[in-house]
PDB file of all heavy atoms in Angstrom:
ATOM      1  N   GLN A   1     118.052 116.671  79.440  1.00  0.00           N
ATOM      2  CA  GLN A   1     116.694 116.200  78.937  1.00  0.00           C
ATOM      3  C   GLN A   1     116.465 114.729  79.108  1.00  0.00           C
ATOM      4  O   GLN A   1     115.316 114.367  79.260  1.00  0.00           O
ATOM      5  CB  GLN A   1     116.486 116.724  77.495  1.00  0.00           C
ATOM      6  CG  GLN A   1     116.426 118.174  77.329  1.00  0.00           C
ATOM      7  CD  GLN A   1     116.288 118.479  75.742  1.00  0.00           C
ATOM      8  OE1 GLN A   1     116.440 117.794  74.956  1.00  0.00           O
ATOM      9  NE2 GLN A   1     115.971 119.727  75.689  1.00  0.00           N
ATOM     10  N   ASN A   2     117.634 113.896  79.043  1.00  0.00           N
ATOM     11  CA  ASN A   2     117.357 112.567  79.045  1.00  0.00           C
ATOM     12  C   ASN A   2     118.050 111.646  80.032  1.00  0.00           C
ATOM     13  O   ASN A   2     117.905 110.443  80.172  1.00  0.00           O
ATOM     14  CB  ASN A   2     117.957 112.020  77.702  1.00  0.00           C
ATOM     15  CG  ASN A   2     117.238 112.606  76.393  1.00  0.00           C
ATOM     16  OD1 ASN A   2     116.044 112.166  76.173  1.00  0.00           O
ATOM     17  ND2 ASN A   2     117.769 113.571  75.807  1.00  0.00           N
ATOM     18  N   GLY A   3     118.841 112.359  80.928  1.00  0.00           N
ATOM     19  CA  GLY A   3     119.539 111.657  82.029  1.00  0.00           C
ATOM     20  C   GLY A   3     120.853 110.921  81.421  1.00  0.00           C
ATOM     21  O   GLY A   3     121.311 111.333  80.291  1.00  0.00           O
ATOM     22  N   GLU A   4     121.424 110.047  82.192  1.00  0.00           N
ATOM     23  CA  GLU A   4     122.711 109.486  81.874  1.00  0.00           C
ATOM     24  C   GLU A   4     122.687 108.811  80.615  1.00  0.00           C
ATOM     25  O   GLU A   4     121.544 108.267  80.102  1.00  0.00           O
ATOM     26  CB  GLU A   4     123.155 108.665  83.050  1.00  0.00           C
ATOM     27  CG  GLU A   4     122.336 107.240  83.133  1.00  0.00           C
ATOM     28  CD  GLU A   4     123.081 106.394  84.108  1.00  0.00           C
ATOM     29  OE1 GLU A   4     123.738 106.854  85.100  1.00  0.00           O
ATOM     30  OE2 GLU A   4     122.757 105.050  84.104  1.00  0.00           O
ATOM     31  N   ALA A   5     123.978 108.586  79.950  1.00  0.00           N
ATOM     32  CA  ALA A   5     124.010 107.907  78.839  1.00  0.00           C
ATOM     33  C   ALA A   5     125.536 107.532  78.520  1.00  0.00           C
ATOM     34  O   ALA A   5     126.443 108.106  79.167  1.00  0.00           O
ATOM     35  CB  ALA A   5     123.593 108.931  77.595  1.00  0.00           C
ATOM     36  N   SER A   6     125.820 106.605  77.729  1.00  0.00           N
ATOM     37  CA  SER A   6     127.043 106.204  77.471  1.00  0.00           C
ATOM     38  C   SER A   6     127.686 107.107  76.305  1.00  0.00           C
ATOM     39  O   SER A   6     126.832 107.837  75.695  1.00  0.00           O
ATOM     40  CB  SER A   6     127.061 104.667  76.789  1.00  0.00           C
ATOM     41  OG  SER A   6     126.434 104.613  75.593  1.00  0.00           O
ATOM     42  N   ALA A   7     129.009 107.072  76.131  1.00  0.00           N
ATOM     43  CA  ALA A   7     129.430 107.891  75.115  1.00  0.00           C
ATOM     44  C   ALA A   7     128.925 107.464  73.731  1.00  0.00           C
ATOM     45  O   ALA A   7     128.786 108.303  72.866  1.00  0.00           O
ATOM     46  CB  ALA A   7     131.048 107.738  75.043  1.00  0.00           C
ATOM     47  N   THR A   8     128.719 106.156  73.483  1.00  0.00           N
ATOM     48  CA  THR A   8     128.108 105.723  72.124  1.00  0.00           C
ATOM     49  C   THR A   8     126.816 106.215  71.979  1.00  0.00           C
ATOM     50  O   THR A   8     126.482 106.739  70.885  1.00  0.00           O
ATOM     51  CB  THR A   8     128.158 104.124  72.195  1.00  0.00           C
ATOM     52  OG1 THR A   8     129.456 103.558  72.218  1.00  0.00           O
ATOM     53  CG2 THR A   8     127.501 103.675  70.921  1.00  0.00           C
ATOM     54  N   ARG A   9     125.922 106.111  72.993  1.00  0.00           N
ATOM     55  CA  ARG A   9     124.615 106.762  72.907  1.00  0.00           C
ATOM     56  C   ARG A   9     124.640 108.248  72.672  1.00  0.00           C
ATOM     57  O   ARG A   9     123.870 108.843  71.949  1.00  0.00           O
ATOM     58  CB  ARG A   9     123.790 106.449  74.216  1.00  0.00           C
ATOM     59  CG  ARG A   9     122.388 106.974  74.059  1.00  0.00           C
ATOM     60  CD  ARG A   9     121.344 106.582  75.064  1.00  0.00           C
ATOM     61  NE  ARG A   9     120.126 107.158  74.959  1.00  0.00           N
ATOM     62  CZ  ARG A   9     119.404 107.490  75.964  1.00  0.00           C
ATOM     63  NH1 ARG A   9     119.792 107.288  77.210  1.00  0.00           N
ATOM     64  NH2 ARG A   9     118.103 108.003  75.637  1.00  0.00           N
ATOM     65  N   LEU A  10     125.560 108.920  73.399  1.00  0.00           N
ATOM     66  CA  LEU A  10     125.634 110.332  73.110  1.00  0.00           C
ATOM     67  C   LEU A  10     126.060 110.681  71.599  1.00  0.00           C
ATOM     68  O   LEU A  10     125.443 111.641  71.058  1.00  0.00           O
ATOM     69  CB  LEU A  10     126.774 110.928  73.990  1.00  0.00           C
ATOM     70  CG  LEU A  10     126.418 111.003  75.481  1.00  0.00           C
ATOM     71  CD1 LEU A  10     127.603 111.426  76.373  1.00  0.00           C
ATOM     72  CD2 LEU A  10     125.254 112.071  75.762  1.00  0.00           C
ATOM     73  N   ALA A  11     126.890 109.884  71.125  1.00  0.00           N
ATOM     74  CA  ALA A  11     127.268 110.120  69.679  1.00  0.00           C
ATOM     75  C   ALA A  11     126.098 109.851  68.889  1.00  0.00           C
ATOM     76  O   ALA A  11     125.757 110.632  67.938  1.00  0.00           O
ATOM     77  CB  ALA A  11     128.415 109.139  69.273  1.00  0.00           C
ATOM     78  N   ASP A  12     125.325 108.731  69.066  1.00  0.00           N
ATOM     79  CA  ASP A  12     124.298 108.393  68.186  1.00  0.00           C
ATOM     80  C   ASP A  12     123.066 109.356  68.279  1.00  0.00           C
ATOM     81  O   ASP A  12     122.582 109.669  67.225  1.00  0.00           O
ATOM     82  CB  ASP A  12     123.706 106.946  68.705  1.00  0.00           C
ATOM     83  CG  ASP A  12     124.623 105.772  68.172  1.00  0.00           C
ATOM     84  OD1 ASP A  12     125.592 105.986  67.539  1.00  0.00           O
ATOM     85  OD2 ASP A  12     124.428 104.847  68.865  1.00  0.00           O
ATOM     86  N   GLU A  13     122.864 109.824  69.451  1.00  0.00           N
ATOM     87  CA  GLU A  13     121.613 110.758  69.702  1.00  0.00           C
ATOM     88  C   GLU A  13     121.892 112.180  69.410  1.00  0.00           C
ATOM     89  O   GLU A  13     121.091 112.837  68.943  1.00  0.00           O
ATOM     90  CB  GLU A  13     121.298 110.569  71.228  1.00  0.00           C
ATOM     91  CG  GLU A  13     120.722 109.255  71.592  1.00  0.00           C
ATOM     92  CD  GLU A  13     119.450 108.858  71.049  1.00  0.00           C
ATOM     93  OE1 GLU A  13     118.593 109.797  70.617  1.00  0.00           O
ATOM     94  OE2 GLU A  13     119.089 107.697  71.029  1.00  0.00           O
ATOM     95  N   THR A  14     123.198 112.599  69.358  1.00  0.00           N
ATOM     96  CA  THR A  14     123.372 114.086  69.110  1.00  0.00           C
ATOM     97  C   THR A  14     124.070 114.261  67.659  1.00  0.00           C
ATOM     98  O   THR A  14     124.032 115.335  67.275  1.00  0.00           O
ATOM     99  CB  THR A  14     124.488 114.590  70.071  1.00  0.00           C
ATOM    100  OG1 THR A  14     125.827 113.921  69.921  1.00  0.00           O
ATOM    101  CG2 THR A  14     124.073 114.467  71.534  1.00  0.00           C
ATOM    102  N   GLY A  15     124.327 113.151  67.032  1.00  0.00           N
ATOM    103  CA  GLY A  15     124.976 113.285  65.703  1.00  0.00           C
ATOM    104  C   GLY A  15     126.374 113.661  65.663  1.00  0.00           C
ATOM    105  O   GLY A  15     126.879 113.961  64.667  1.00  0.00           O
ATOM    106  N   LEU A  16     127.012 113.803  66.891  1.00  0.00           N
ATOM    107  CA  LEU A  16     128.412 113.992  67.006  1.00  0.00           C
ATOM    108  C   LEU A  16     129.250 112.761  66.654  1.00  0.00           C
ATOM    109  O   LEU A  16     128.742 111.655  66.984  1.00  0.00           O
ATOM    110  CB  LEU A  16     128.759 114.567  68.246  1.00  0.00           C
ATOM    111  CG  LEU A  16     128.075 115.898  68.851  1.00  0.00           C
ATOM    112  CD1 LEU A  16     128.317 116.120  70.281  1.00  0.00           C
ATOM    113  CD2 LEU A  16     128.521 117.102  67.849  1.00  0.00           C
ATOM    114  N   ASP A  17     130.528 112.896  66.239  1.00  0.00           N
ATOM    115  CA  ASP A  17     131.290 111.829  66.032  1.00  0.00           C
ATOM    116  C   ASP A  17     132.049 111.618  67.366  1.00  0.00           C
ATOM    117  O   ASP A  17     131.925 112.260  68.326  1.00  0.00           O
ATOM    118  CB  ASP A  17     132.338 111.815  64.835  1.00  0.00           C
ATOM    119  CG  ASP A  17     133.387 112.980  65.004  1.00  0.00           C
ATOM    120  OD1 ASP A  17     133.926 112.966  66.140  1.00  0.00           O
ATOM    121  OD2 ASP A  17     133.804 113.484  64.110  1.00  0.00           O
ATOM    122  N   LYS A  18     132.471 110.275  67.388  1.00  0.00           N
ATOM    123  CA  LYS A  18     133.170 109.886  68.708  1.00  0.00           C
ATOM    124  C   LYS A  18     134.218 110.707  69.228  1.00  0.00           C
ATOM    125  O   LYS A  18     134.327 110.917  70.425  1.00  0.00           O
ATOM    126  CB  LYS A  18     133.590 108.411  68.632  1.00  0.00           C
ATOM    127  CG  LYS A  18     132.438 107.467  68.501  1.00  0.00           C
ATOM    128  CD  LYS A  18     132.742 105.993  68.543  1.00  0.00           C
ATOM    129  CE  LYS A  18     131.598 105.160  68.347  1.00  0.00           C
ATOM    130  NZ  LYS A  18     131.479 104.029  69.093  1.00  0.00           N
ATOM    131  N   ASN A  19     135.101 111.307  68.318  1.00  0.00           N
ATOM    132  CA  ASN A  19     136.067 112.174  68.798  1.00  0.00           C
ATOM    133  C   ASN A  19     135.422 113.468  69.410  1.00  0.00           C
ATOM    134  O   ASN A  19     136.044 114.019  70.304  1.00  0.00           O
ATOM    135  CB  ASN A  19     136.927 112.622  67.651  1.00  0.00           C
ATOM    136  CG  ASN A  19     137.895 111.511  67.249  1.00  0.00           C
ATOM    137  OD1 ASN A  19     138.222 110.670  68.106  1.00  0.00           O
ATOM    138  ND2 ASN A  19     138.244 111.378  65.979  1.00  0.00           N
ATOM    139  N   GLU A  20     134.289 114.028  68.680  1.00  0.00           N
ATOM    140  CA  GLU A  20     133.747 115.209  69.261  1.00  0.00           C
ATOM    141  C   GLU A  20     133.094 114.899  70.543  1.00  0.00           C
ATOM    142  O   GLU A  20     133.330 115.701  71.484  1.00  0.00           O
ATOM    143  CB  GLU A  20     132.666 115.682  68.299  1.00  0.00           C
ATOM    144  CG  GLU A  20     133.209 116.220  66.919  1.00  0.00           C
ATOM    145  CD  GLU A  20     132.223 116.393  65.971  1.00  0.00           C
ATOM    146  OE1 GLU A  20     131.242 115.492  65.852  1.00  0.00           O
ATOM    147  OE2 GLU A  20     132.160 117.469  65.279  1.00  0.00           O
ATOM    148  N   VAL A  21     132.550 113.686  70.735  1.00  0.00           N
ATOM    149  CA  VAL A  21     131.971 113.403  72.050  1.00  0.00           C
ATOM    150  C   VAL A  21     132.986 113.254  73.130  1.00  0.00           C
ATOM    151  O   VAL A  21     132.906 113.926  74.310  1.00  0.00           O
ATOM    152  CB  VAL A  21     131.178 112.010  71.923  1.00  0.00           C
ATOM    153  CG1 VAL A  21     130.824 111.537  73.313  1.00  0.00           C
ATOM    154  CG2 VAL A  21     129.943 112.229  71.040  1.00  0.00           C
ATOM    155  N   GLN A  22     134.156 112.675  72.828  1.00  0.00           N
ATOM    156  CA  GLN A  22     135.255 112.594  73.839  1.00  0.00           C
ATOM    157  C   GLN A  22     135.826 113.948  74.192  1.00  0.00           C
ATOM    158  O   GLN A  22     136.033 114.149  75.316  1.00  0.00           O
ATOM    159  CB  GLN A  22     136.343 111.646  73.395  1.00  0.00           C
ATOM    160  CG  GLN A  22     135.950 110.160  73.221  1.00  0.00           C
ATOM    161  CD  GLN A  22     135.469 109.625  74.486  1.00  0.00           C
ATOM    162  OE1 GLN A  22     135.992 109.945  75.525  1.00  0.00           O
ATOM    163  NE2 GLN A  22     134.488 108.735  74.441  1.00  0.00           N
ATOM    164  N   ARG A  23     136.007 114.789  73.187  1.00  0.00           N
ATOM    165  CA  ARG A  23     136.461 116.100  73.521  1.00  0.00           C
ATOM    166  C   ARG A  23     135.446 116.928  74.377  1.00  0.00           C
ATOM    167  O   ARG A  23     135.844 117.648  75.296  1.00  0.00           O
ATOM    168  CB  ARG A  23     136.855 116.981  72.260  1.00  0.00           C
ATOM    169  CG  ARG A  23     137.951 116.380  71.597  1.00  0.00           C
ATOM    170  CD  ARG A  23     138.134 117.253  70.277  1.00  0.00           C
ATOM    171  NE  ARG A  23     139.140 116.641  69.393  1.00  0.00           N
ATOM    172  CZ  ARG A  23     138.924 116.151  68.221  1.00  0.00           C
ATOM    173  NH1 ARG A  23     137.728 116.306  67.603  1.00  0.00           N
ATOM    174  NH2 ARG A  23     139.831 115.590  67.497  1.00  0.00           N
ATOM    175  N   ALA A  24     134.212 116.747  74.072  1.00  0.00           N
ATOM    176  CA  ALA A  24     133.188 117.528  74.841  1.00  0.00           C
ATOM    177  C   ALA A  24     132.972 116.996  76.231  1.00  0.00           C
ATOM    178  O   ALA A  24     132.853 117.655  77.215  1.00  0.00           O
ATOM    179  CB  ALA A  24     131.842 117.379  74.089  1.00  0.00           C
ATOM    180  N   ILE A  25     133.270 115.578  76.416  1.00  0.00           N
ATOM    181  CA  ILE A  25     133.107 115.061  77.729  1.00  0.00           C
ATOM    182  C   ILE A  25     134.326 115.621  78.553  1.00  0.00           C
ATOM    183  O   ILE A  25     134.104 115.957  79.657  1.00  0.00           O
ATOM    184  CB  ILE A  25     133.236 113.480  77.641  1.00  0.00           C
ATOM    185  CG1 ILE A  25     131.894 112.870  77.154  1.00  0.00           C
ATOM    186  CG2 ILE A  25     133.607 112.831  78.949  1.00  0.00           C
ATOM    187  CD1 ILE A  25     131.913 111.509  76.748  1.00  0.00           C
ATOM    188  N   GLY A  26     135.474 115.658  77.941  1.00  0.00           N
ATOM    189  CA  GLY A  26     136.652 116.219  78.778  1.00  0.00           C
ATOM    190  C   GLY A  26     136.382 117.656  79.223  1.00  0.00           C
ATOM    191  O   GLY A  26     136.696 118.121  80.165  1.00  0.00           O
ATOM    192  N   TRP A  27     135.672 118.496  78.260  1.00  0.00           N
ATOM    193  CA  TRP A  27     135.420 119.913  78.426  1.00  0.00           C
ATOM    194  C   TRP A  27     134.392 120.030  79.633  1.00  0.00           C
ATOM    195  O   TRP A  27     134.720 120.833  80.637  1.00  0.00           O
ATOM    196  CB  TRP A  27     134.828 120.404  77.222  1.00  0.00           C
ATOM    197  CG  TRP A  27     134.261 121.930  77.204  1.00  0.00           C
ATOM    198  CD1 TRP A  27     133.341 122.435  78.069  1.00  0.00           C
ATOM    199  CD2 TRP A  27     134.818 123.041  76.416  1.00  0.00           C
ATOM    200  NE1 TRP A  27     133.148 123.762  77.758  1.00  0.00           N
ATOM    201  CE2 TRP A  27     134.002 124.110  76.851  1.00  0.00           C
ATOM    202  CE3 TRP A  27     135.786 123.076  75.389  1.00  0.00           C
ATOM    203  CZ2 TRP A  27     134.171 125.377  76.147  1.00  0.00           C
ATOM    204  CZ3 TRP A  27     135.952 124.365  74.853  1.00  0.00           C
ATOM    205  CH2 TRP A  27     135.166 125.526  75.263  1.00  0.00           C
ATOM    206  N   LEU A  28     133.435 119.229  79.544  1.00  0.00           N
ATOM    207  CA  LEU A  28     132.368 119.283  80.667  1.00  0.00           C
ATOM    208  C   LEU A  28     133.094 118.836  82.020  1.00  0.00           C
ATOM    209  O   LEU A  28     132.684 119.287  83.073  1.00  0.00           O
ATOM    210  CB  LEU A  28     131.127 118.489  80.250  1.00  0.00           C
ATOM    211  CG  LEU A  28     130.391 119.042  79.088  1.00  0.00           C
ATOM    212  CD1 LEU A  28     129.341 117.917  78.613  1.00  0.00           C
ATOM    213  CD2 LEU A  28     129.632 120.322  79.473  1.00  0.00           C
ATOM    214  N   ALA A  29     133.742 117.648  81.913  1.00  0.00           N
ATOM    215  CA  ALA A  29     134.522 117.177  83.123  1.00  0.00           C
ATOM    216  C   ALA A  29     135.392 118.272  83.815  1.00  0.00           C
ATOM    217  O   ALA A  29     135.380 118.344  84.921  1.00  0.00           O
ATOM    218  CB  ALA A  29     135.204 115.897  82.712  1.00  0.00           C
TER     219      ALA A  29
END
């Protein structure tokens, strides 16, 4: 919906903590 983002922005915008974001990035990658 929003295009590219940094891990920090992903955490801020989705409400996930940084560990959850990193795990999810790994999953998607």
